[in-house]
Amino acid sequence: MSNSLDAWLSDADTRRLLPVANRPWVRNEAEAERDARSRRTTVNLAVLRAPLNGVDLDSEDHAMLTWLADRDADVVAGVRSLLDRARAATPIPEAERESL
């Protein structure tokens, strides 16, 4: 199976649906959806990076933030709140950190 659509689309279904998918209004709607998702992700990424200003991030950190930025607004707000609280918290003394 090449993709999940193969499980339920027959050749006849594909031939029938392909002309619909190629209509300009369908393509325009799909493009608008991609643009909206891209804008949302860009805004969410800025929201998530703000409390991390000054923290050295590697490529895996950036990848994780980008993945999180593509989630819904409630998830992004929850993670941002957690980051803000962690940033504002009093650092744990080294001796206590070693015992954790």
PDB file of N, CA and C in Angstrom:
ATOM      1  N   MET A   1       0.841  -1.170   0.000  1.00  0.00           N
ATOM      2  CA  MET A   1       0.000   0.000   0.000  1.00  0.00           C
ATOM      3  C   MET A   1       0.895   1.245   0.000  1.00  0.00           C
ATOM      4  N   SER A   2       0.674   2.160  -0.938  1.00  0.00           N
ATOM      5  CA  SER A   2       1.546   3.326  -1.020  1.00  0.00           C
ATOM      6  C   SER A   2       1.126   4.442  -0.068  1.00  0.00           C
ATOM      7  N   ASN A   3      -0.153   4.533   0.255  1.00  0.00           N
ATOM      8  CA  ASN A   3      -0.595   5.508   1.251  1.00  0.00           C
ATOM      9  C   ASN A   3      -1.922   5.075   1.849  1.00  0.00           C
ATOM     10  N   SER A   4      -2.380   5.789   2.846  1.00  0.00           N
ATOM     11  CA  SER A   4      -3.587   5.380   3.557  1.00  0.00           C
ATOM     12  C   SER A   4      -4.841   5.482   2.694  1.00  0.00           C
ATOM     13  N   LEU A   5      -4.814   6.301   1.642  1.00  0.00           N
ATOM     14  CA  LEU A   5      -5.987   6.412   0.790  1.00  0.00           C
ATOM     15  C   LEU A   5      -6.214   5.148  -0.025  1.00  0.00           C
ATOM     16  N   ASP A   6      -5.148   4.411  -0.294  1.00  0.00           N
ATOM     17  CA  ASP A   6      -5.271   3.184  -1.078  1.00  0.00           C
ATOM     18  C   ASP A   6      -6.190   2.167  -0.420  1.00  0.00           C
ATOM     19  N   ALA A   7      -6.328   2.248   0.872  1.00  0.00           N
ATOM     20  CA  ALA A   7      -7.135   1.265   1.591  1.00  0.00           C
ATOM     21  C   ALA A   7      -8.613   1.386   1.241  1.00  0.00           C
ATOM     22  N   TRP A   8      -9.076   2.551   0.846  1.00  0.00           N
ATOM     23  CA  TRP A   8     -10.503   2.692   0.593  1.00  0.00           C
ATOM     24  C   TRP A   8     -10.848   3.261  -0.772  1.00  0.00           C
ATOM     25  N   LEU A   9      -9.881   3.726  -1.552  1.00  0.00           N
ATOM     26  CA  LEU A   9     -10.175   4.265  -2.875  1.00  0.00           C
ATOM     27  C   LEU A   9      -9.907   3.217  -3.950  1.00  0.00           C
ATOM     28  N   SER A  10     -10.925   2.932  -4.746  1.00  0.00           N
ATOM     29  CA  SER A  10     -10.722   2.049  -5.886  1.00  0.00           C
ATOM     30  C   SER A  10     -10.256   2.895  -7.069  1.00  0.00           C
ATOM     31  N   ASP A  11      -9.871   2.238  -8.148  1.00  0.00           N
ATOM     32  CA  ASP A  11      -9.471   2.973  -9.353  1.00  0.00           C
ATOM     33  C   ASP A  11     -10.631   3.823  -9.875  1.00  0.00           C
ATOM     34  N   ALA A  12     -11.835   3.293  -9.794  1.00  0.00           N
ATOM     35  CA  ALA A  12     -13.004   4.044 -10.262  1.00  0.00           C
ATOM     36  C   ALA A  12     -13.216   5.288  -9.405  1.00  0.00           C
ATOM     37  N   ASP A  13     -13.041   5.136  -8.094  1.00  0.00           N
ATOM     38  CA  ASP A  13     -13.171   6.298  -7.198  1.00  0.00           C
ATOM     39  C   ASP A  13     -12.129   7.347  -7.528  1.00  0.00           C
ATOM     40  N   THR A  14     -10.910   6.899  -7.758  1.00  0.00           N
ATOM     41  CA  THR A  14      -9.823   7.824  -8.068  1.00  0.00           C
ATOM     42  C   THR A  14     -10.118   8.586  -9.348  1.00  0.00           C
ATOM     43  N   ARG A  15     -10.559   7.869 -10.387  1.00  0.00           N
ATOM     44  CA  ARG A  15     -10.886   8.524 -11.659  1.00  0.00           C
ATOM     45  C   ARG A  15     -12.018   9.526 -11.492  1.00  0.00           C
ATOM     46  N   ARG A  16     -12.963   9.244 -10.595  1.00  0.00           N
ATOM     47  CA  ARG A  16     -14.093  10.136 -10.371  1.00  0.00           C
ATOM     48  C   ARG A  16     -13.695  11.356  -9.537  1.00  0.00           C
ATOM     49  N   LEU A  17     -12.813  11.171  -8.538  1.00  0.00           N
ATOM     50  CA  LEU A  17     -12.465  12.262  -7.633  1.00  0.00           C
ATOM     51  C   LEU A  17     -11.345  13.156  -8.149  1.00  0.00           C
ATOM     52  N   LEU A  18     -10.478  12.643  -8.984  1.00  0.00           N
ATOM     53  CA  LEU A  18      -9.349  13.418  -9.470  1.00  0.00           C
ATOM     54  C   LEU A  18      -9.776  14.699 -10.187  1.00  0.00           C
ATOM     55  N   PRO A  19     -10.773  14.667 -11.067  1.00  0.00           N
ATOM     56  CA  PRO A  19     -11.196  15.923 -11.701  1.00  0.00           C
ATOM     57  C   PRO A  19     -11.712  16.947 -10.683  1.00  0.00           C
ATOM     58  N   VAL A  20     -12.357  16.489  -9.627  1.00  0.00           N
ATOM     59  CA  VAL A  20     -12.844  17.404  -8.593  1.00  0.00           C
ATOM     60  C   VAL A  20     -11.667  18.062  -7.875  1.00  0.00           C
ATOM     61  N   ALA A  21     -10.665  17.265  -7.536  1.00  0.00           N
ATOM     62  CA  ALA A  21      -9.495  17.789  -6.825  1.00  0.00           C
ATOM     63  C   ALA A  21      -8.719  18.776  -7.668  1.00  0.00           C
ATOM     64  N   ASN A  22      -8.814  18.665  -8.983  1.00  0.00           N
ATOM     65  CA  ASN A  22      -8.076  19.566  -9.867  1.00  0.00           C
ATOM     66  C   ASN A  22      -8.835  20.843 -10.214  1.00  0.00           C
ATOM     67  N   ARG A  23     -10.031  20.988  -9.723  1.00  0.00           N
ATOM     68  CA  ARG A  23     -10.780  22.222  -9.998  1.00  0.00           C
ATOM     69  C   ARG A  23     -10.086  23.392  -9.299  1.00  0.00           C
ATOM     70  N   PRO A  24     -10.058  24.555  -9.954  1.00  0.00           N
ATOM     71  CA  PRO A  24      -9.346  25.708  -9.379  1.00  0.00           C
ATOM     72  C   PRO A  24      -9.817  26.080  -7.976  1.00  0.00           C
ATOM     73  N   TRP A  25     -11.109  26.045  -7.712  1.00  0.00           N
ATOM     74  CA  TRP A  25     -11.575  26.450  -6.386  1.00  0.00           C
ATOM     75  C   TRP A  25     -11.122  25.472  -5.315  1.00  0.00           C
ATOM     76  N   VAL A  26     -10.971  24.195  -5.649  1.00  0.00           N
ATOM     77  CA  VAL A  26     -10.477  23.213  -4.685  1.00  0.00           C
ATOM     78  C   VAL A  26      -8.992  23.452  -4.429  1.00  0.00           C
ATOM     79  N   ARG A  27      -8.234  23.677  -5.507  1.00  0.00           N
ATOM     80  CA  ARG A  27      -6.803  23.960  -5.348  1.00  0.00           C
ATOM     81  C   ARG A  27      -6.593  25.252  -4.566  1.00  0.00           C
ATOM     82  N   ASN A  28      -7.396  26.275  -4.850  1.00  0.00           N
ATOM     83  CA  ASN A  28      -7.264  27.545  -4.131  1.00  0.00           C
ATOM     84  C   ASN A  28      -7.583  27.387  -2.649  1.00  0.00           C
ATOM     85  N   GLU A  29      -8.588  26.586  -2.348  1.00  0.00           N
ATOM     86  CA  GLU A  29      -8.945  26.346  -0.948  1.00  0.00           C
ATOM     87  C   GLU A  29      -7.834  25.593  -0.224  1.00  0.00           C
ATOM     88  N   ALA A  30      -7.251  24.617  -0.884  1.00  0.00           N
ATOM     89  CA  ALA A  30      -6.154  23.862  -0.284  1.00  0.00           C
ATOM     90  C   ALA A  30      -4.942  24.772  -0.065  1.00  0.00           C
ATOM     91  N   GLU A  31      -4.670  25.633  -1.032  1.00  0.00           N
ATOM     92  CA  GLU A  31      -3.557  26.575  -0.889  1.00  0.00           C
ATOM     93  C   GLU A  31      -3.812  27.559   0.253  1.00  0.00           C
ATOM     94  N   ALA A  32      -5.037  28.035   0.377  1.00  0.00           N
ATOM     95  CA  ALA A  32      -5.388  28.949   1.467  1.00  0.00           C
ATOM     96  C   ALA A  32      -5.220  28.268   2.821  1.00  0.00           C
ATOM     97  N   GLU A  33      -5.588  26.987   2.892  1.00  0.00           N
ATOM     98  CA  GLU A  33      -5.429  26.220   4.137  1.00  0.00           C
ATOM     99  C   GLU A  33      -3.950  26.082   4.502  1.00  0.00           C
ATOM    100  N   ARG A  34      -3.106  25.793   3.511  1.00  0.00           N
ATOM    101  CA  ARG A  34      -1.660  25.699   3.761  1.00  0.00           C
ATOM    102  C   ARG A  34      -1.094  27.038   4.220  1.00  0.00           C
ATOM    103  N   ASP A  35      -1.551  28.133   3.603  1.00  0.00           N
ATOM    104  CA  ASP A  35      -1.068  29.459   3.990  1.00  0.00           C
ATOM    105  C   ASP A  35      -1.478  29.798   5.418  1.00  0.00           C
ATOM    106  N   ALA A  36      -2.723  29.485   5.772  1.00  0.00           N
ATOM    107  CA  ALA A  36      -3.202  29.751   7.130  1.00  0.00           C
ATOM    108  C   ALA A  36      -2.420  28.932   8.146  1.00  0.00           C
ATOM    109  N   ARG A  37      -2.148  27.674   7.822  1.00  0.00           N
ATOM    110  CA  ARG A  37      -1.372  26.814   8.721  1.00  0.00           C
ATOM    111  C   ARG A  37       0.036  27.361   8.879  1.00  0.00           C
ATOM    112  N   SER A  38       0.626  27.822   7.799  1.00  0.00           N
ATOM    113  CA  SER A  38       1.975  28.379   7.852  1.00  0.00           C
ATOM    114  C   SER A  38       2.019  29.637   8.718  1.00  0.00           C
ATOM    115  N   ARG A  39       1.030  30.512   8.556  1.00  0.00           N
ATOM    116  CA  ARG A  39       0.972  31.731   9.388  1.00  0.00           C
ATOM    117  C   ARG A  39       0.781  31.385  10.854  1.00  0.00           C
ATOM    118  N   ARG A  40      -0.123  30.426  11.133  1.00  0.00           N
ATOM    119  CA  ARG A  40      -0.372  30.014  12.518  1.00  0.00           C
ATOM    120  C   ARG A  40       0.897  29.438  13.136  1.00  0.00           C
ATOM    121  N   THR A  41       1.583  28.607  12.405  1.00  0.00           N
ATOM    122  CA  THR A  41       2.809  27.994  12.909  1.00  0.00           C
ATOM    123  C   THR A  41       3.870  29.051  13.166  1.00  0.00           C
ATOM    124  N   THR A  42       3.989  30.033  12.288  1.00  0.00           N
ATOM    125  CA  THR A  42       4.976  31.104  12.464  1.00  0.00           C
ATOM    126  C   THR A  42       4.683  31.908  13.727  1.00  0.00           C
ATOM    127  N   VAL A  43       3.436  32.258  13.935  1.00  0.00           N
ATOM    128  CA  VAL A  43       3.048  33.013  15.135  1.00  0.00           C
ATOM    129  C   VAL A  43       3.284  32.171  16.385  1.00  0.00           C
ATOM    130  N   ASN A  44       2.856  30.907  16.351  1.00  0.00           N
ATOM    131  CA  ASN A  44       3.036  30.034  17.509  1.00  0.00           C
ATOM    132  C   ASN A  44       4.508  29.809  17.824  1.00  0.00           C
ATOM    133  N   LEU A  45       5.326  29.732  16.808  1.00  0.00           N
ATOM    134  CA  LEU A  45       6.763  29.550  17.015  1.00  0.00           C
ATOM    135  C   LEU A  45       7.359  30.752  17.742  1.00  0.00           C
ATOM    136  N   ALA A  46       6.939  31.943  17.360  1.00  0.00           N
ATOM    137  CA  ALA A  46       7.407  33.152  18.056  1.00  0.00           C
ATOM    138  C   ALA A  46       6.944  33.154  19.507  1.00  0.00           C
ATOM    139  N   VAL A  47       5.719  32.710  19.750  1.00  0.00           N
ATOM    140  CA  VAL A  47       5.176  32.635  21.115  1.00  0.00           C
ATOM    141  C   VAL A  47       6.001  31.674  21.962  1.00  0.00           C
ATOM    142  N   LEU A  48       6.366  30.540  21.387  1.00  0.00           N
ATOM    143  CA  LEU A  48       7.128  29.536  22.135  1.00  0.00           C
ATOM    144  C   LEU A  48       8.592  29.927  22.338  1.00  0.00           C
ATOM    145  N   ARG A  49       9.163  30.659  21.400  1.00  0.00           N
ATOM    146  CA  ARG A  49      10.581  31.031  21.513  1.00  0.00           C
ATOM    147  C   ARG A  49      10.813  32.195  22.469  1.00  0.00           C
ATOM    148  N   ALA A  50       9.816  33.028  22.685  1.00  0.00           N
ATOM    149  CA  ALA A  50      10.000  34.226  23.514  1.00  0.00           C
ATOM    150  C   ALA A  50      10.556  33.923  24.905  1.00  0.00           C
ATOM    151  N   PRO A  51       9.998  32.973  25.656  1.00  0.00           N
ATOM    152  CA  PRO A  51      10.542  32.722  26.991  1.00  0.00           C
ATOM    153  C   PRO A  51      11.903  32.020  26.965  1.00  0.00           C
ATOM    154  N   LEU A  52      12.335  31.584  25.787  1.00  0.00           N
ATOM    155  CA  LEU A  52      13.619  30.899  25.656  1.00  0.00           C
ATOM    156  C   LEU A  52      14.716  31.829  25.162  1.00  0.00           C
ATOM    157  N   ASN A  53      14.405  33.116  25.109  1.00  0.00           N
ATOM    158  CA  ASN A  53      15.392  34.103  24.669  1.00  0.00           C
ATOM    159  C   ASN A  53      16.641  34.012  25.545  1.00  0.00           C
ATOM    160  N   GLY A  54      17.793  33.863  24.915  1.00  0.00           N
ATOM    161  CA  GLY A  54      19.044  33.760  25.654  1.00  0.00           C
ATOM    162  C   GLY A  54      19.457  32.333  25.970  1.00  0.00           C
ATOM    163  N   VAL A  55      18.600  31.369  25.710  1.00  0.00           N
ATOM    164  CA  VAL A  55      18.914  29.964  25.950  1.00  0.00           C
ATOM    165  C   VAL A  55      19.499  29.389  24.658  1.00  0.00           C
ATOM    166  N   ASP A  56      20.623  28.683  24.770  1.00  0.00           N
ATOM    167  CA  ASP A  56      21.223  28.041  23.602  1.00  0.00           C
ATOM    168  C   ASP A  56      20.365  26.846  23.197  1.00  0.00           C
ATOM    169  N   LEU A  57      19.897  26.871  21.972  1.00  0.00           N
ATOM    170  CA  LEU A  57      19.060  25.788  21.457  1.00  0.00           C
ATOM    171  C   LEU A  57      19.786  25.100  20.309  1.00  0.00           C
ATOM    172  N   ASP A  58      19.730  23.773  20.287  1.00  0.00           N
ATOM    173  CA  ASP A  58      20.343  23.051  19.177  1.00  0.00           C
ATOM    174  C   ASP A  58      19.274  22.748  18.124  1.00  0.00           C
ATOM    175  N   SER A  59      19.651  22.057  17.073  1.00  0.00           N
ATOM    176  CA  SER A  59      18.715  21.795  15.977  1.00  0.00           C
ATOM    177  C   SER A  59      17.541  20.922  16.426  1.00  0.00           C
ATOM    178  N   GLU A  60      17.779  20.009  17.361  1.00  0.00           N
ATOM    179  CA  GLU A  60      16.676  19.186  17.870  1.00  0.00           C
ATOM    180  C   GLU A  60      15.685  20.026  18.662  1.00  0.00           C
ATOM    181  N   ASP A  61      16.190  21.003  19.417  1.00  0.00           N
ATOM    182  CA  ASP A  61      15.308  21.910  20.155  1.00  0.00           C
ATOM    183  C   ASP A  61      14.442  22.714  19.185  1.00  0.00           C
ATOM    184  N   HIS A  62      15.069  23.233  18.133  1.00  0.00           N
ATOM    185  CA  HIS A  62      14.319  24.005  17.144  1.00  0.00           C
ATOM    186  C   HIS A  62      13.277  23.130  16.445  1.00  0.00           C
ATOM    187  N   ALA A  63      13.641  21.889  16.139  1.00  0.00           N
ATOM    188  CA  ALA A  63      12.695  20.968  15.505  1.00  0.00           C
ATOM    189  C   ALA A  63      11.508  20.698  16.420  1.00  0.00           C
ATOM    190  N   MET A  64      11.769  20.508  17.714  1.00  0.00           N
ATOM    191  CA  MET A  64      10.685  20.256  18.669  1.00  0.00           C
ATOM    192  C   MET A  64       9.767  21.477  18.786  1.00  0.00           C
ATOM    193  N   LEU A  65      10.361  22.664  18.844  1.00  0.00           N
ATOM    194  CA  LEU A  65       9.548  23.881  18.923  1.00  0.00           C
ATOM    195  C   LEU A  65       8.687  24.049  17.672  1.00  0.00           C
ATOM    196  N   THR A  66       9.248  23.738  16.522  1.00  0.00           N
ATOM    197  CA  THR A  66       8.485  23.847  15.273  1.00  0.00           C
ATOM    198  C   THR A  66       7.344  22.837  15.263  1.00  0.00           C
ATOM    199  N   TRP A  67       7.613  21.631  15.734  1.00  0.00           N
ATOM    200  CA  TRP A  67       6.560  20.624  15.825  1.00  0.00           C
ATOM    201  C   TRP A  67       5.456  21.090  16.772  1.00  0.00           C
ATOM    202  N   LEU A  68       5.836  21.611  17.932  1.00  0.00           N
ATOM    203  CA  LEU A  68       4.847  22.112  18.891  1.00  0.00           C
ATOM    204  C   LEU A  68       4.058  23.286  18.320  1.00  0.00           C
ATOM    205  N   ALA A  69       4.722  24.134  17.544  1.00  0.00           N
ATOM    206  CA  ALA A  69       4.060  25.317  16.988  1.00  0.00           C
ATOM    207  C   ALA A  69       2.946  24.945  16.018  1.00  0.00           C
ATOM    208  N   ASP A  70       2.964  23.737  15.506  1.00  0.00           N
ATOM    209  CA  ASP A  70       1.922  23.295  14.575  1.00  0.00           C
ATOM    210  C   ASP A  70       0.710  22.715  15.307  1.00  0.00           C
ATOM    211  N   ARG A  71       0.753  22.661  16.625  1.00  0.00           N
ATOM    212  CA  ARG A  71      -0.383  22.163  17.411  1.00  0.00           C
ATOM    213  C   ARG A  71      -1.418  23.280  17.559  1.00  0.00           C
ATOM    214  N   ASP A  72      -2.539  22.956  18.193  1.00  0.00           N
ATOM    215  CA  ASP A  72      -3.589  23.961  18.352  1.00  0.00           C
ATOM    216  C   ASP A  72      -3.226  24.990  19.425  1.00  0.00           C
ATOM    217  N   ALA A  73      -4.007  26.039  19.479  1.00  0.00           N
ATOM    218  CA  ALA A  73      -3.705  27.186  20.343  1.00  0.00           C
ATOM    219  C   ALA A  73      -3.639  26.812  21.823  1.00  0.00           C
ATOM    220  N   ASP A  74      -4.484  25.885  22.263  1.00  0.00           N
ATOM    221  CA  ASP A  74      -4.472  25.480  23.676  1.00  0.00           C
ATOM    222  C   ASP A  74      -3.164  24.799  24.062  1.00  0.00           C
ATOM    223  N   VAL A  75      -2.644  23.968  23.182  1.00  0.00           N
ATOM    224  CA  VAL A  75      -1.371  23.285  23.453  1.00  0.00           C
ATOM    225  C   VAL A  75      -0.244  24.306  23.520  1.00  0.00           C
ATOM    226  N   VAL A  76      -0.203  25.213  22.551  1.00  0.00           N
ATOM    227  CA  VAL A  76       0.847  26.236  22.518  1.00  0.00           C
ATOM    228  C   VAL A  76       0.765  27.120  23.758  1.00  0.00           C
ATOM    229  N   ALA A  77      -0.435  27.513  24.146  1.00  0.00           N
ATOM    230  CA  ALA A  77      -0.601  28.356  25.335  1.00  0.00           C
ATOM    231  C   ALA A  77      -0.150  27.610  26.595  1.00  0.00           C
ATOM    232  N   GLY A  78      -0.470  26.328  26.691  1.00  0.00           N
ATOM    233  CA  GLY A  78      -0.058  25.541  27.852  1.00  0.00           C
ATOM    234  C   GLY A  78       1.451  25.396  27.950  1.00  0.00           C
ATOM    235  N   VAL A  79       2.099  25.123  26.823  1.00  0.00           N
ATOM    236  CA  VAL A  79       3.558  24.999  26.821  1.00  0.00           C
ATOM    237  C   VAL A  79       4.197  26.349  27.118  1.00  0.00           C
ATOM    238  N   ARG A  80       3.649  27.421  26.560  1.00  0.00           N
ATOM    239  CA  ARG A  80       4.191  28.759  26.816  1.00  0.00           C
ATOM    240  C   ARG A  80       4.080  29.087  28.308  1.00  0.00           C
ATOM    241  N   SER A  81       2.962  28.772  28.914  1.00  0.00           N
ATOM    242  CA  SER A  81       2.776  29.011  30.340  1.00  0.00           C
ATOM    243  C   SER A  81       3.807  28.240  31.158  1.00  0.00           C
ATOM    244  N   LEU A  82       4.032  27.000  30.797  1.00  0.00           N
ATOM    245  CA  LEU A  82       5.025  26.176  31.483  1.00  0.00           C
ATOM    246  C   LEU A  82       6.428  26.775  31.340  1.00  0.00           C
ATOM    247  N   LEU A  83       6.775  27.203  30.136  1.00  0.00           N
ATOM    248  CA  LEU A  83       8.084  27.823  29.914  1.00  0.00           C
ATOM    249  C   LEU A  83       8.240  29.117  30.704  1.00  0.00           C
ATOM    250  N   ASP A  84       7.183  29.937  30.735  1.00  0.00           N
ATOM    251  CA  ASP A  84       7.225  31.190  31.503  1.00  0.00           C
ATOM    252  C   ASP A  84       7.444  30.916  32.993  1.00  0.00           C
ATOM    253  N   ARG A  85       6.709  29.930  33.527  1.00  0.00           N
ATOM    254  CA  ARG A  85       6.846  29.617  34.949  1.00  0.00           C
ATOM    255  C   ARG A  85       8.220  29.033  35.268  1.00  0.00           C
ATOM    256  N   ALA A  86       8.736  28.201  34.357  1.00  0.00           N
ATOM    257  CA  ALA A  86      10.075  27.634  34.567  1.00  0.00           C
ATOM    258  C   ALA A  86      11.131  28.731  34.529  1.00  0.00           C
ATOM    259  N   ARG A  87      10.972  29.674  33.637  1.00  0.00           N
ATOM    260  CA  ARG A  87      11.941  30.769  33.511  1.00  0.00           C
ATOM    261  C   ARG A  87      11.914  31.653  34.760  1.00  0.00           C
ATOM    262  N   ALA A  88      10.739  31.848  35.338  1.00  0.00           N
ATOM    263  CA  ALA A  88      10.591  32.725  36.502  1.00  0.00           C
ATOM    264  C   ALA A  88      10.937  32.041  37.821  1.00  0.00           C
ATOM    265  N   ALA A  89      11.027  30.720  37.810  1.00  0.00           N
ATOM    266  CA  ALA A  89      11.281  29.984  39.050  1.00  0.00           C
ATOM    267  C   ALA A  89      12.693  30.226  39.561  1.00  0.00           C
ATOM    268  N   THR A  90      12.848  30.106  40.872  1.00  0.00           N
ATOM    269  CA  THR A  90      14.163  30.214  41.496  1.00  0.00           C
ATOM    270  C   THR A  90      14.979  28.983  41.110  1.00  0.00           C
ATOM    271  N   PRO A  91      16.205  29.183  40.642  1.00  0.00           N
ATOM    272  CA  PRO A  91      17.025  28.015  40.268  1.00  0.00           C
ATOM    273  C   PRO A  91      17.245  27.078  41.453  1.00  0.00           C
ATOM    274  N   ILE A  92      17.305  25.810  41.172  1.00  0.00           N
ATOM    275  CA  ILE A  92      17.575  24.804  42.200  1.00  0.00           C
ATOM    276  C   ILE A  92      19.076  24.833  42.500  1.00  0.00           C
ATOM    277  N   PRO A  93      19.435  24.928  43.789  1.00  0.00           N
ATOM    278  CA  PRO A  93      20.867  24.923  44.128  1.00  0.00           C
ATOM    279  C   PRO A  93      21.554  23.653  43.614  1.00  0.00           C
ATOM    280  N   GLU A  94      22.839  23.765  43.283  1.00  0.00           N
ATOM    281  CA  GLU A  94      23.595  22.665  42.717  1.00  0.00           C
ATOM    282  C   GLU A  94      23.530  21.404  43.575  1.00  0.00           C
ATOM    283  N   ALA A  95      23.627  21.540  44.896  1.00  0.00           N
ATOM    284  CA  ALA A  95      23.612  20.380  45.798  1.00  0.00           C
ATOM    285  C   ALA A  95      22.286  19.632  45.675  1.00  0.00           C
ATOM    286  N   GLU A  96      21.200  20.345  45.594  1.00  0.00           N
ATOM    287  CA  GLU A  96      19.881  19.697  45.454  1.00  0.00           C
ATOM    288  C   GLU A  96      19.735  19.060  44.083  1.00  0.00           C
ATOM    289  N   ARG A  97      20.281  19.707  43.062  1.00  0.00           N
ATOM    290  CA  ARG A  97      20.202  19.198  41.715  1.00  0.00           C
ATOM    291  C   ARG A  97      20.892  17.851  41.580  1.00  0.00           C
ATOM    292  N   GLU A  98      22.025  17.702  42.266  1.00  0.00           N
ATOM    293  CA  GLU A  98      22.773  16.453  42.195  1.00  0.00           C
ATOM    294  C   GLU A  98      22.035  15.311  42.879  1.00  0.00           C
ATOM    295  N   SER A  99      21.201  15.614  43.855  1.00  0.00           N
ATOM    296  CA  SER A  99      20.471  14.557  44.561  1.00  0.00           C
ATOM    297  C   SER A  99      19.211  14.117  43.806  1.00  0.00           C
ATOM    298  N   LEU A 100      18.845  14.876  42.779  1.00  0.00           N
ATOM    299  CA  LEU A 100      17.645  14.502  42.007  1.00  0.00           C
ATOM    300  C   LEU A 100      17.942  13.395  41.110  1.00  0.00           C
TER     301      LEU A 100
END
